[in-house]
């Protein structure tokens, strides 16, 4: 996906899915932990939890499932719906990038240099 074009999916006033949330889902898949995903993304646990909470509230079913800590520790996993939504989002990015390249380049070529 072109770094100048970012797709955000809104649900009311909230952003249900966007580039940061997609990256967070991928990190949770990789590490099985919101804490470790947050560290990888250089964000606070609180911020990562807020993003997960917004995603979970925006969709009919949670995208991230969590288990409370304890002697074996907690954890998090991306739900089946979360995996599907993430794949749909990445596919959407690819399609938009492919089909909007000409128009995006035209817009970008007319931006002032900063």
PDB file of N, CA and C in Angstrom:
ATOM      1  N   UNK A   1       0.849  -1.182   0.000  1.00  0.00           N
ATOM      2  CA  UNK A   1       0.000   0.000   0.000  1.00  0.00           C
ATOM      3  C   UNK A   1       0.880   1.226   0.000  1.00  0.00           C
ATOM      4  N   UNK A   2       0.511   2.187  -0.814  1.00  0.00           N
ATOM      5  CA  UNK A   2       1.239   3.443  -0.878  1.00  0.00           C
ATOM      6  C   UNK A   2       1.160   4.141   0.467  1.00  0.00           C
ATOM      7  N   UNK A   3       2.291   4.606   0.974  1.00  0.00           N
ATOM      8  CA  UNK A   3       2.327   5.235   2.291  1.00  0.00           C
ATOM      9  C   UNK A   3       1.573   6.554   2.337  1.00  0.00           C
ATOM     10  N   UNK A   4       1.240   7.102   1.204  1.00  0.00           N
ATOM     11  CA  UNK A   4       0.515   8.363   1.165  1.00  0.00           C
ATOM     12  C   UNK A   4      -0.996   8.167   1.194  1.00  0.00           C
ATOM     13  N   UNK A   5      -1.441   6.958   1.046  1.00  0.00           N
ATOM     14  CA  UNK A   5      -2.865   6.661   1.022  1.00  0.00           C
ATOM     15  C   UNK A   5      -3.169   5.704   2.161  1.00  0.00           C
ATOM     16  N   UNK A   6      -4.037   6.143   3.072  1.00  0.00           N
ATOM     17  CA  UNK A   6      -4.386   5.330   4.230  1.00  0.00           C
ATOM     18  C   UNK A   6      -5.892   5.151   4.274  1.00  0.00           C
ATOM     19  N   UNK A   7      -6.315   3.913   4.345  1.00  0.00           N
ATOM     20  CA  UNK A   7      -7.738   3.593   4.367  1.00  0.00           C
ATOM     21  C   UNK A   7      -8.186   3.435   5.814  1.00  0.00           C
ATOM     22  N   UNK A   8      -9.262   4.119   6.143  1.00  0.00           N
ATOM     23  CA  UNK A   8      -9.870   3.988   7.465  1.00  0.00           C
ATOM     24  C   UNK A   8     -11.334   3.638   7.279  1.00  0.00           C
ATOM     25  N   UNK A   9     -11.794   2.668   8.032  1.00  0.00           N
ATOM     26  CA  UNK A   9     -13.185   2.238   7.996  1.00  0.00           C
ATOM     27  C   UNK A   9     -13.849   2.775   9.265  1.00  0.00           C
ATOM     28  N   UNK A  10     -14.869   3.592   9.084  1.00  0.00           N
ATOM     29  CA  UNK A  10     -15.551   4.201  10.231  1.00  0.00           C
ATOM     30  C   UNK A  10     -16.784   3.410  10.632  1.00  0.00           C
ATOM     31  N   UNK A  11     -17.078   3.490  11.913  1.00  0.00           N
ATOM     32  CA  UNK A  11     -18.313   2.956  12.484  1.00  0.00           C
ATOM     33  C   UNK A  11     -18.814   4.035  13.439  1.00  0.00           C
ATOM     34  N   UNK A  12     -19.764   4.821  12.967  1.00  0.00           N
ATOM     35  CA  UNK A  12     -20.184   5.976  13.753  1.00  0.00           C
ATOM     36  C   UNK A  12     -19.032   6.955  13.855  1.00  0.00           C
ATOM     37  N   UNK A  13     -18.704   7.363  15.062  1.00  0.00           N
ATOM     38  CA  UNK A  13     -17.599   8.312  15.257  1.00  0.00           C
ATOM     39  C   UNK A  13     -16.256   7.610  15.434  1.00  0.00           C
ATOM     40  N   UNK A  14     -16.277   6.283  15.526  1.00  0.00           N
ATOM     41  CA  UNK A  14     -15.046   5.521  15.751  1.00  0.00           C
ATOM     42  C   UNK A  14     -14.440   5.025  14.447  1.00  0.00           C
ATOM     43  N   UNK A  15     -13.137   4.831  14.470  1.00  0.00           N
ATOM     44  CA  UNK A  15     -12.458   4.162  13.366  1.00  0.00           C
ATOM     45  C   UNK A  15     -12.397   2.682  13.730  1.00  0.00           C
ATOM     46  N   UNK A  16     -13.171   1.886  13.008  1.00  0.00           N
ATOM     47  CA  UNK A  16     -13.240   0.450  13.283  1.00  0.00           C
ATOM     48  C   UNK A  16     -11.968  -0.256  12.827  1.00  0.00           C
ATOM     49  N   UNK A  17     -11.407   0.189  11.703  1.00  0.00           N
ATOM     50  CA  UNK A  17     -10.194  -0.429  11.169  1.00  0.00           C
ATOM     51  C   UNK A  17      -9.411   0.606  10.397  1.00  0.00           C
ATOM     52  N   UNK A  18      -8.115   0.567  10.559  1.00  0.00           N
ATOM     53  CA  UNK A  18      -7.217   1.461   9.847  1.00  0.00           C
ATOM     54  C   UNK A  18      -5.825   0.852   9.859  1.00  0.00           C
ATOM     55  N   UNK A  19      -4.847   1.567   9.346  1.00  0.00           N
ATOM     56  CA  UNK A  19      -3.507   0.988   9.237  1.00  0.00           C
ATOM     57  C   UNK A  19      -2.890   0.590  10.577  1.00  0.00           C
ATOM     58  N   UNK A  20      -3.058   1.421  11.593  1.00  0.00           N
ATOM     59  CA  UNK A  20      -2.487   1.105  12.904  1.00  0.00           C
ATOM     60  C   UNK A  20      -3.162  -0.085  13.561  1.00  0.00           C
ATOM     61  N   UNK A  21      -4.468  -0.161  13.433  1.00  0.00           N
ATOM     62  CA  UNK A  21      -5.201  -1.278  14.021  1.00  0.00           C
ATOM     63  C   UNK A  21      -4.875  -2.579  13.294  1.00  0.00           C
ATOM     64  N   UNK A  22      -4.715  -2.519  11.987  1.00  0.00           N
ATOM     65  CA  UNK A  22      -4.323  -3.707  11.227  1.00  0.00           C
ATOM     66  C   UNK A  22      -2.939  -4.183  11.673  1.00  0.00           C
ATOM     67  N   UNK A  23      -2.018  -3.249  11.838  1.00  0.00           N
ATOM     68  CA  UNK A  23      -0.672  -3.593  12.288  1.00  0.00           C
ATOM     69  C   UNK A  23      -0.716  -4.202  13.696  1.00  0.00           C
ATOM     70  N   UNK A  24      -1.563  -3.637  14.556  1.00  0.00           N
ATOM     71  CA  UNK A  24      -1.709  -4.171  15.912  1.00  0.00           C
ATOM     72  C   UNK A  24      -2.260  -5.596  15.883  1.00  0.00           C
ATOM     73  N   UNK A  25      -3.260  -5.856  15.061  1.00  0.00           N
ATOM     74  CA  UNK A  25      -3.793  -7.220  14.938  1.00  0.00           C
ATOM     75  C   UNK A  25      -2.699  -8.191  14.490  1.00  0.00           C
ATOM     76  N   UNK A  26      -1.882  -7.768  13.536  1.00  0.00           N
ATOM     77  CA  UNK A  26      -0.789  -8.627  13.055  1.00  0.00           C
ATOM     78  C   UNK A  26       0.210  -8.910  14.174  1.00  0.00           C
ATOM     79  N   UNK A  27       0.501  -7.899  14.978  1.00  0.00           N
ATOM     80  CA  UNK A  27       1.444  -8.084  16.086  1.00  0.00           C
ATOM     81  C   UNK A  27       0.850  -8.991  17.161  1.00  0.00           C
ATOM     82  N   UNK A  28      -0.439  -8.870  17.432  1.00  0.00           N
ATOM     83  CA  UNK A  28      -1.090  -9.759  18.398  1.00  0.00           C
ATOM     84  C   UNK A  28      -1.057 -11.190  17.875  1.00  0.00           C
ATOM     85  N   UNK A  29      -1.283 -11.375  16.574  1.00  0.00           N
ATOM     86  CA  UNK A  29      -1.172 -12.715  15.968  1.00  0.00           C
ATOM     87  C   UNK A  29       0.232 -13.271  16.175  1.00  0.00           C
ATOM     88  N   UNK A  30       1.215 -12.432  15.967  1.00  0.00           N
ATOM     89  CA  UNK A  30       2.614 -12.872  16.052  1.00  0.00           C
ATOM     90  C   UNK A  30       3.011 -13.255  17.475  1.00  0.00           C
ATOM     91  N   UNK A  31       2.608 -12.426  18.462  1.00  0.00           N
ATOM     92  CA  UNK A  31       3.093 -12.607  19.830  1.00  0.00           C
ATOM     93  C   UNK A  31       2.090 -13.246  20.789  1.00  0.00           C
ATOM     94  N   UNK A  32       0.803 -13.261  20.441  1.00  0.00           N
ATOM     95  CA  UNK A  32      -0.192 -13.812  21.361  1.00  0.00           C
ATOM     96  C   UNK A  32      -0.353 -12.985  22.618  1.00  0.00           C
ATOM     97  N   UNK A  33      -0.034 -11.692  22.512  1.00  0.00           N
ATOM     98  CA  UNK A  33      -0.043 -10.829  23.685  1.00  0.00           C
ATOM     99  C   UNK A  33      -0.225  -9.374  23.258  1.00  0.00           C
ATOM    100  N   UNK A  34      -1.120  -8.677  23.942  1.00  0.00           N
ATOM    101  CA  UNK A  34      -1.284  -7.243  23.669  1.00  0.00           C
ATOM    102  C   UNK A  34      -0.064  -6.489  24.170  1.00  0.00           C
ATOM    103  N   UNK A  35       0.475  -6.897  25.309  1.00  0.00           N
ATOM    104  CA  UNK A  35       1.662  -6.242  25.868  1.00  0.00           C
ATOM    105  C   UNK A  35       2.838  -6.324  24.908  1.00  0.00           C
ATOM    106  N   UNK A  36       3.116  -7.510  24.400  1.00  0.00           N
ATOM    107  CA  UNK A  36       4.252  -7.692  23.484  1.00  0.00           C
ATOM    108  C   UNK A  36       3.997  -6.989  22.151  1.00  0.00           C
ATOM    109  N   UNK A  37       2.745  -7.012  21.694  1.00  0.00           N
ATOM    110  CA  UNK A  37       2.390  -6.316  20.447  1.00  0.00           C
ATOM    111  C   UNK A  37       2.614  -4.811  20.621  1.00  0.00           C
ATOM    112  N   UNK A  38       2.205  -4.280  21.762  1.00  0.00           N
ATOM    113  CA  UNK A  38       2.385  -2.848  22.036  1.00  0.00           C
ATOM    114  C   UNK A  38       3.870  -2.489  22.052  1.00  0.00           C
ATOM    115  N   UNK A  39       4.678  -3.318  22.686  1.00  0.00           N
ATOM    116  CA  UNK A  39       6.130  -3.059  22.737  1.00  0.00           C
ATOM    117  C   UNK A  39       6.725  -3.051  21.335  1.00  0.00           C
ATOM    118  N   UNK A  40       6.314  -4.008  20.506  1.00  0.00           N
ATOM    119  CA  UNK A  40       6.828  -4.064  19.132  1.00  0.00           C
ATOM    120  C   UNK A  40       6.496  -2.778  18.379  1.00  0.00           C
ATOM    121  N   UNK A  41       5.285  -2.257  18.643  1.00  0.00           N
ATOM    122  CA  UNK A  41       4.830  -1.064  17.932  1.00  0.00           C
ATOM    123  C   UNK A  41       5.249   0.238  18.625  1.00  0.00           C
ATOM    124  N   UNK A  42       5.978   0.091  19.742  1.00  0.00           N
ATOM    125  CA  UNK A  42       6.455   1.254  20.497  1.00  0.00           C
ATOM    126  C   UNK A  42       5.292   2.141  20.962  1.00  0.00           C
ATOM    127  N   UNK A  43       4.262   1.484  21.501  1.00  0.00           N
ATOM    128  CA  UNK A  43       3.134   2.212  22.072  1.00  0.00           C
ATOM    129  C   UNK A  43       2.881   1.653  23.465  1.00  0.00           C
ATOM    130  N   UNK A  44       2.172   2.408  24.261  1.00  0.00           N
ATOM    131  CA  UNK A  44       1.875   1.953  25.610  1.00  0.00           C
ATOM    132  C   UNK A  44       0.853   0.818  25.563  1.00  0.00           C
ATOM    133  N   UNK A  45       0.877   0.009  26.599  1.00  0.00           N
ATOM    134  CA  UNK A  45      -0.117  -1.056  26.720  1.00  0.00           C
ATOM    135  C   UNK A  45      -1.511  -0.449  26.748  1.00  0.00           C
ATOM    136  N   UNK A  46      -1.649   0.660  27.465  1.00  0.00           N
ATOM    137  CA  UNK A  46      -2.951   1.319  27.582  1.00  0.00           C
ATOM    138  C   UNK A  46      -3.495   1.715  26.203  1.00  0.00           C
ATOM    139  N   UNK A  47      -2.643   2.301  25.377  1.00  0.00           N
ATOM    140  CA  UNK A  47      -3.067   2.717  24.032  1.00  0.00           C
ATOM    141  C   UNK A  47      -3.456   1.497  23.199  1.00  0.00           C
ATOM    142  N   UNK A  48      -2.653   0.438  23.264  1.00  0.00           N
ATOM    143  CA  UNK A  48      -2.964  -0.781  22.515  1.00  0.00           C
ATOM    144  C   UNK A  48      -4.299  -1.353  22.983  1.00  0.00           C
ATOM    145  N   UNK A  49      -4.522  -1.370  24.301  1.00  0.00           N
ATOM    146  CA  UNK A  49      -5.775  -1.899  24.822  1.00  0.00           C
ATOM    147  C   UNK A  49      -6.947  -1.041  24.351  1.00  0.00           C
ATOM    148  N   UNK A  50      -6.774   0.279  24.314  1.00  0.00           N
ATOM    149  CA  UNK A  50      -7.837   1.171  23.821  1.00  0.00           C
ATOM    150  C   UNK A  50      -8.185   0.852  22.367  1.00  0.00           C
ATOM    151  N   UNK A  51      -7.185   0.630  21.540  1.00  0.00           N
ATOM    152  CA  UNK A  51      -7.421   0.299  20.130  1.00  0.00           C
ATOM    153  C   UNK A  51      -8.153  -1.032  20.001  1.00  0.00           C
ATOM    154  N   UNK A  52      -7.734  -2.025  20.786  1.00  0.00           N
ATOM    155  CA  UNK A  52      -8.399  -3.333  20.775  1.00  0.00           C
ATOM    156  C   UNK A  52      -9.852  -3.167  21.215  1.00  0.00           C
ATOM    157  N   UNK A  53     -10.066  -2.396  22.263  1.00  0.00           N
ATOM    158  CA  UNK A  53     -11.414  -2.188  22.780  1.00  0.00           C
ATOM    159  C   UNK A  53     -12.324  -1.541  21.736  1.00  0.00           C
ATOM    160  N   UNK A  54     -11.811  -0.533  21.028  1.00  0.00           N
ATOM    161  CA  UNK A  54     -12.609   0.120  19.979  1.00  0.00           C
ATOM    162  C   UNK A  54     -12.949  -0.880  18.876  1.00  0.00           C
ATOM    163  N   UNK A  55     -11.959  -1.645  18.439  1.00  0.00           N
ATOM    164  CA  UNK A  55     -12.234  -2.650  17.401  1.00  0.00           C
ATOM    165  C   UNK A  55     -13.299  -3.639  17.875  1.00  0.00           C
ATOM    166  N   UNK A  56     -13.135  -4.134  19.087  1.00  0.00           N
ATOM    167  CA  UNK A  56     -14.079  -5.127  19.601  1.00  0.00           C
ATOM    168  C   UNK A  56     -15.490  -4.565  19.722  1.00  0.00           C
ATOM    169  N   UNK A  57     -15.614  -3.285  20.030  1.00  0.00           N
ATOM    170  CA  UNK A  57     -16.938  -2.669  20.147  1.00  0.00           C
ATOM    171  C   UNK A  57     -17.562  -2.355  18.794  1.00  0.00           C
ATOM    172  N   UNK A  58     -16.735  -2.092  17.806  1.00  0.00           N
ATOM    173  CA  UNK A  58     -17.239  -1.708  16.487  1.00  0.00           C
ATOM    174  C   UNK A  58     -17.808  -2.876  15.690  1.00  0.00           C
ATOM    175  N   UNK A  59     -17.299  -4.057  15.920  1.00  0.00           N
ATOM    176  CA  UNK A  59     -17.732  -5.216  15.148  1.00  0.00           C
ATOM    177  C   UNK A  59     -18.753  -6.040  15.925  1.00  0.00           C
ATOM    178  N   UNK A  60     -19.535  -6.832  15.218  1.00  0.00           N
ATOM    179  CA  UNK A  60     -20.581  -7.653  15.838  1.00  0.00           C
ATOM    180  C   UNK A  60     -20.004  -8.621  16.866  1.00  0.00           C
ATOM    181  N   UNK A  61     -18.812  -9.115  16.589  1.00  0.00           N
ATOM    182  CA  UNK A  61     -18.127 -10.044  17.483  1.00  0.00           C
ATOM    183  C   UNK A  61     -16.696  -9.546  17.667  1.00  0.00           C
ATOM    184  N   UNK A  62     -16.056  -9.868  18.785  1.00  0.00           N
ATOM    185  CA  UNK A  62     -14.697  -9.372  19.049  1.00  0.00           C
ATOM    186  C   UNK A  62     -13.683  -9.828  17.996  1.00  0.00           C
ATOM    187  N   UNK A  63     -12.763  -8.929  17.681  1.00  0.00           N
ATOM    188  CA  UNK A  63     -11.656  -9.275  16.788  1.00  0.00           C
ATOM    189  C   UNK A  63     -10.483  -9.833  17.581  1.00  0.00           C
ATOM    190  N   UNK A  64     -10.413  -9.461  18.861  1.00  0.00           N
ATOM    191  CA  UNK A  64      -9.339  -9.940  19.732  1.00  0.00           C
ATOM    192  C   UNK A  64      -9.975 -10.566  20.971  1.00  0.00           C
ATOM    193  N   UNK A  65      -9.541 -11.783  21.277  1.00  0.00           N
ATOM    194  CA  UNK A  65     -10.004 -12.501  22.466  1.00  0.00           C
ATOM    195  C   UNK A  65      -8.875 -12.478  23.492  1.00  0.00           C
ATOM    196  N   UNK A  66      -9.208 -12.208  24.741  1.00  0.00           N
ATOM    197  CA  UNK A  66      -8.176 -12.114  25.775  1.00  0.00           C
ATOM    198  C   UNK A  66      -8.443 -13.109  26.887  1.00  0.00           C
ATOM    199  N   UNK A  67      -7.359 -13.502  27.550  1.00  0.00           N
ATOM    200  CA  UNK A  67      -7.433 -14.361  28.729  1.00  0.00           C
ATOM    201  C   UNK A  67      -6.726 -13.631  29.859  1.00  0.00           C
ATOM    202  N   UNK A  68      -7.338 -13.637  31.043  1.00  0.00           N
ATOM    203  CA  UNK A  68      -6.740 -12.955  32.192  1.00  0.00           C
ATOM    204  C   UNK A  68      -5.461 -13.657  32.608  1.00  0.00           C
ATOM    205  N   UNK A  69      -4.575 -12.876  33.202  1.00  0.00           N
ATOM    206  CA  UNK A  69      -3.309 -13.406  33.690  1.00  0.00           C
ATOM    207  C   UNK A  69      -3.517 -14.344  34.865  1.00  0.00           C
ATOM    208  N   UNK A  70      -2.461 -14.906  35.321  1.00  0.00           N
ATOM    209  CA  UNK A  70      -2.497 -15.839  36.443  1.00  0.00           C
ATOM    210  C   UNK A  70      -1.167 -16.538  36.510  1.00  0.00           C
ATOM    211  N   UNK A  71      -1.149 -17.718  37.069  1.00  0.00           N
ATOM    212  CA  UNK A  71       0.127 -18.432  37.186  1.00  0.00           C
ATOM    213  C   UNK A  71       0.715 -18.766  35.826  1.00  0.00           C
ATOM    214  N   UNK A  72      -0.142 -18.972  34.843  1.00  0.00           N
ATOM    215  CA  UNK A  72       0.341 -19.279  33.494  1.00  0.00           C
ATOM    216  C   UNK A  72       0.334 -18.047  32.595  1.00  0.00           C
ATOM    217  N   UNK A  73      -0.022 -16.915  33.165  1.00  0.00           N
ATOM    218  CA  UNK A  73      -0.053 -15.679  32.383  1.00  0.00           C
ATOM    219  C   UNK A  73      -1.312 -15.594  31.550  1.00  0.00           C
ATOM    220  N   UNK A  74      -1.574 -14.412  31.062  1.00  0.00           N
ATOM    221  CA  UNK A  74      -2.745 -14.193  30.219  1.00  0.00           C
ATOM    222  C   UNK A  74      -2.363 -14.375  28.770  1.00  0.00           C
ATOM    223  N   UNK A  75      -3.039 -13.662  27.941  1.00  0.00           N
ATOM    224  CA  UNK A  75      -2.712 -13.736  26.531  1.00  0.00           C
ATOM    225  C   UNK A  75      -3.835 -13.151  25.705  1.00  0.00           C
ATOM    226  N   UNK A  76      -3.592 -13.071  24.451  1.00  0.00           N
ATOM    227  CA  UNK A  76      -4.579 -12.544  23.507  1.00  0.00           C
ATOM    228  C   UNK A  76      -4.417 -13.275  22.192  1.00  0.00           C
ATOM    229  N   UNK A  77      -5.525 -13.402  21.507  1.00  0.00           N
ATOM    230  CA  UNK A  77      -5.466 -13.997  20.173  1.00  0.00           C
ATOM    231  C   UNK A  77      -6.465 -13.290  19.277  1.00  0.00           C
ATOM    232  N   UNK A  78      -6.141 -13.252  18.012  1.00  0.00           N
ATOM    233  CA  UNK A  78      -7.033 -12.670  17.028  1.00  0.00           C
ATOM    234  C   UNK A  78      -8.082 -13.734  16.701  1.00  0.00           C
ATOM    235  N   UNK A  79      -9.346 -13.346  16.824  1.00  0.00           N
ATOM    236  CA  UNK A  79     -10.444 -14.287  16.577  1.00  0.00           C
ATOM    237  C   UNK A  79     -10.525 -14.642  15.091  1.00  0.00           C
ATOM    238  N   UNK A  80     -11.362 -15.613  14.801  1.00  0.00           N
ATOM    239  CA  UNK A  80     -11.587 -15.992  13.407  1.00  0.00           C
ATOM    240  C   UNK A  80     -12.103 -14.792  12.602  1.00  0.00           C
ATOM    241  N   UNK A  81     -13.046 -14.058  13.203  1.00  0.00           N
ATOM    242  CA  UNK A  81     -13.557 -12.855  12.535  1.00  0.00           C
ATOM    243  C   UNK A  81     -12.440 -11.838  12.364  1.00  0.00           C
ATOM    244  N   UNK A  82     -11.590 -11.696  13.377  1.00  0.00           N
ATOM    245  CA  UNK A  82     -10.470 -10.760  13.293  1.00  0.00           C
ATOM    246  C   UNK A  82      -9.527 -11.094  12.148  1.00  0.00           C
ATOM    247  N   UNK A  83      -9.254 -12.373  11.975  1.00  0.00           N
ATOM    248  CA  UNK A  83      -8.386 -12.821  10.881  1.00  0.00           C
ATOM    249  C   UNK A  83      -9.035 -12.484   9.537  1.00  0.00           C
ATOM    250  N   UNK A  84     -10.333 -12.726   9.439  1.00  0.00           N
ATOM    251  CA  UNK A  84     -11.067 -12.435   8.204  1.00  0.00           C
ATOM    252  C   UNK A  84     -11.072 -10.939   7.914  1.00  0.00           C
ATOM    253  N   UNK A  85     -11.376 -10.124   8.926  1.00  0.00           N
ATOM    254  CA  UNK A  85     -11.420  -8.666   8.748  1.00  0.00           C
ATOM    255  C   UNK A  85     -10.041  -8.151   8.365  1.00  0.00           C
ATOM    256  N   UNK A  86      -9.001  -8.645   9.011  1.00  0.00           N
ATOM    257  CA  UNK A  86      -7.634  -8.226   8.695  1.00  0.00           C
ATOM    258  C   UNK A  86      -7.288  -8.560   7.248  1.00  0.00           C
ATOM    259  N   UNK A  87      -7.620  -9.757   6.811  1.00  0.00           N
ATOM    260  CA  UNK A  87      -7.336 -10.151   5.422  1.00  0.00           C
ATOM    261  C   UNK A  87      -8.138  -9.298   4.445  1.00  0.00           C
ATOM    262  N   UNK A  88      -9.416  -9.060   4.760  1.00  0.00           N
ATOM    263  CA  UNK A  88     -10.244  -8.196   3.905  1.00  0.00           C
ATOM    264  C   UNK A  88      -9.636  -6.803   3.812  1.00  0.00           C
ATOM    265  N   UNK A  89      -9.167  -6.274   4.928  1.00  0.00           N
ATOM    266  CA  UNK A  89      -8.578  -4.935   4.958  1.00  0.00           C
ATOM    267  C   UNK A  89      -7.304  -4.892   4.107  1.00  0.00           C
ATOM    268  N   UNK A  90      -6.438  -5.879   4.260  1.00  0.00           N
ATOM    269  CA  UNK A  90      -5.190  -5.916   3.474  1.00  0.00           C
ATOM    270  C   UNK A  90      -5.501  -6.088   1.982  1.00  0.00           C
ATOM    271  N   UNK A  91      -6.501  -6.895   1.651  1.00  0.00           N
ATOM    272  CA  UNK A  91      -6.903  -7.054   0.252  1.00  0.00           C
ATOM    273  C   UNK A  91      -7.438  -5.734  -0.299  1.00  0.00           C
ATOM    274  N   UNK A  92      -8.218  -5.024   0.505  1.00  0.00           N
ATOM    275  CA  UNK A  92      -8.756  -3.723   0.099  1.00  0.00           C
ATOM    276  C   UNK A  92      -7.625  -2.735  -0.177  1.00  0.00           C
ATOM    277  N   UNK A  93      -6.628  -2.705   0.694  1.00  0.00           N
ATOM    278  CA  UNK A  93      -5.476  -1.830   0.479  1.00  0.00           C
ATOM    279  C   UNK A  93      -4.799  -2.133  -0.858  1.00  0.00           C
ATOM    280  N   UNK A  94      -4.604  -3.411  -1.133  1.00  0.00           N
ATOM    281  CA  UNK A  94      -3.937  -3.820  -2.373  1.00  0.00           C
ATOM    282  C   UNK A  94      -4.742  -3.388  -3.596  1.00  0.00           C
ATOM    283  N   UNK A  95      -6.049  -3.623  -3.553  1.00  0.00           N
ATOM    284  CA  UNK A  95      -6.900  -3.266  -4.690  1.00  0.00           C
ATOM    285  C   UNK A  95      -6.955  -1.766  -4.906  1.00  0.00           C
ATOM    286  N   UNK A  96      -7.108  -1.012  -3.842  1.00  0.00           N
ATOM    287  CA  UNK A  96      -7.173   0.448  -3.970  1.00  0.00           C
ATOM    288  C   UNK A  96      -5.851   0.975  -4.517  1.00  0.00           C
ATOM    289  N   UNK A  97      -4.753   0.461  -3.998  1.00  0.00           N
ATOM    290  CA  UNK A  97      -3.441   0.906  -4.463  1.00  0.00           C
ATOM    291  C   UNK A  97      -3.267   0.630  -5.957  1.00  0.00           C
ATOM    292  N   UNK A  98      -3.677  -0.544  -6.390  1.00  0.00           N
ATOM    293  CA  UNK A  98      -3.524  -0.933  -7.794  1.00  0.00           C
ATOM    294  C   UNK A  98      -4.391  -0.079  -8.718  1.00  0.00           C
ATOM    295  N   UNK A  99      -5.632   0.153  -8.318  1.00  0.00           N
ATOM    296  CA  UNK A  99      -6.575   0.809  -9.211  1.00  0.00           C
ATOM    297  C   UNK A  99      -6.620   2.325  -9.084  1.00  0.00           C
ATOM    298  N   UNK A 100      -6.041   2.869  -8.028  1.00  0.00           N
ATOM    299  CA  UNK A 100      -6.078   4.318  -7.840  1.00  0.00           C
ATOM    300  C   UNK A 100      -4.712   4.959  -8.042  1.00  0.00           C
ATOM    301  N   UNK A 101      -3.767   4.193  -8.542  1.00  0.00           N
ATOM    302  CA  UNK A 101      -2.390   4.673  -8.679  1.00  0.00           C
ATOM    303  C   UNK A 101      -2.299   5.942  -9.519  1.00  0.00           C
ATOM    304  N   UNK A 102      -2.951   5.977 -10.661  1.00  0.00           N
ATOM    305  CA  UNK A 102      -2.889   7.137 -11.566  1.00  0.00           C
ATOM    306  C   UNK A 102      -3.427   8.389 -10.868  1.00  0.00           C
ATOM    307  N   UNK A 103      -4.595   8.265 -10.267  1.00  0.00           N
ATOM    308  CA  UNK A 103      -5.215   9.412  -9.606  1.00  0.00           C
ATOM    309  C   UNK A 103      -4.400   9.867  -8.400  1.00  0.00           C
ATOM    310  N   UNK A 104      -3.903   8.913  -7.636  1.00  0.00           N
ATOM    311  CA  UNK A 104      -3.092   9.261  -6.470  1.00  0.00           C
ATOM    312  C   UNK A 104      -1.822   9.986  -6.890  1.00  0.00           C
ATOM    313  N   UNK A 105      -1.157   9.477  -7.922  1.00  0.00           N
ATOM    314  CA  UNK A 105       0.061  10.142  -8.405  1.00  0.00           C
ATOM    315  C   UNK A 105      -0.224  11.551  -8.900  1.00  0.00           C
ATOM    316  N   UNK A 106      -1.367  11.753  -9.535  1.00  0.00           N
ATOM    317  CA  UNK A 106      -1.753  13.089  -9.993  1.00  0.00           C
ATOM    318  C   UNK A 106      -1.928  14.034  -8.805  1.00  0.00           C
ATOM    319  N   UNK A 107      -2.604  13.555  -7.779  1.00  0.00           N
ATOM    320  CA  UNK A 107      -2.806  14.378  -6.578  1.00  0.00           C
ATOM    321  C   UNK A 107      -1.468  14.670  -5.917  1.00  0.00           C
ATOM    322  N   UNK A 108      -0.655  13.643  -5.738  1.00  0.00           N
ATOM    323  CA  UNK A 108       0.640  13.816  -5.070  1.00  0.00           C
ATOM    324  C   UNK A 108       1.558  14.758  -5.830  1.00  0.00           C
ATOM    325  N   UNK A 109       1.514  14.721  -7.149  1.00  0.00           N
ATOM    326  CA  UNK A 109       2.385  15.588  -7.946  1.00  0.00           C
ATOM    327  C   UNK A 109       1.988  17.061  -7.811  1.00  0.00           C
ATOM    328  N   UNK A 110       0.799  17.326  -7.320  1.00  0.00           N
ATOM    329  CA  UNK A 110       0.340  18.698  -7.151  1.00  0.00           C
ATOM    330  C   UNK A 110       0.392  19.195  -5.712  1.00  0.00           C
ATOM    331  N   UNK A 111       0.949  18.387  -4.823  1.00  0.00           N
ATOM    332  CA  UNK A 111       1.118  18.848  -3.443  1.00  0.00           C
ATOM    333  C   UNK A 111       2.319  19.782  -3.357  1.00  0.00           C
ATOM    334  N   UNK A 112       2.227  20.742  -2.477  1.00  0.00           N
ATOM    335  CA  UNK A 112       3.382  21.619  -2.262  1.00  0.00           C
ATOM    336  C   UNK A 112       4.439  20.837  -1.496  1.00  0.00           C
ATOM    337  N   UNK A 113       5.668  21.158  -1.709  1.00  0.00           N
ATOM    338  CA  UNK A 113       6.784  20.475  -1.046  1.00  0.00           C
ATOM    339  C   UNK A 113       6.961  21.052   0.341  1.00  0.00           C
ATOM    340  N   UNK A 114       6.931  20.194   1.353  1.00  0.00           N
ATOM    341  CA  UNK A 114       7.123  20.643   2.749  1.00  0.00           C
ATOM    342  C   UNK A 114       8.174  19.814   3.404  1.00  0.00           C
TER     343      UNK A 114
END
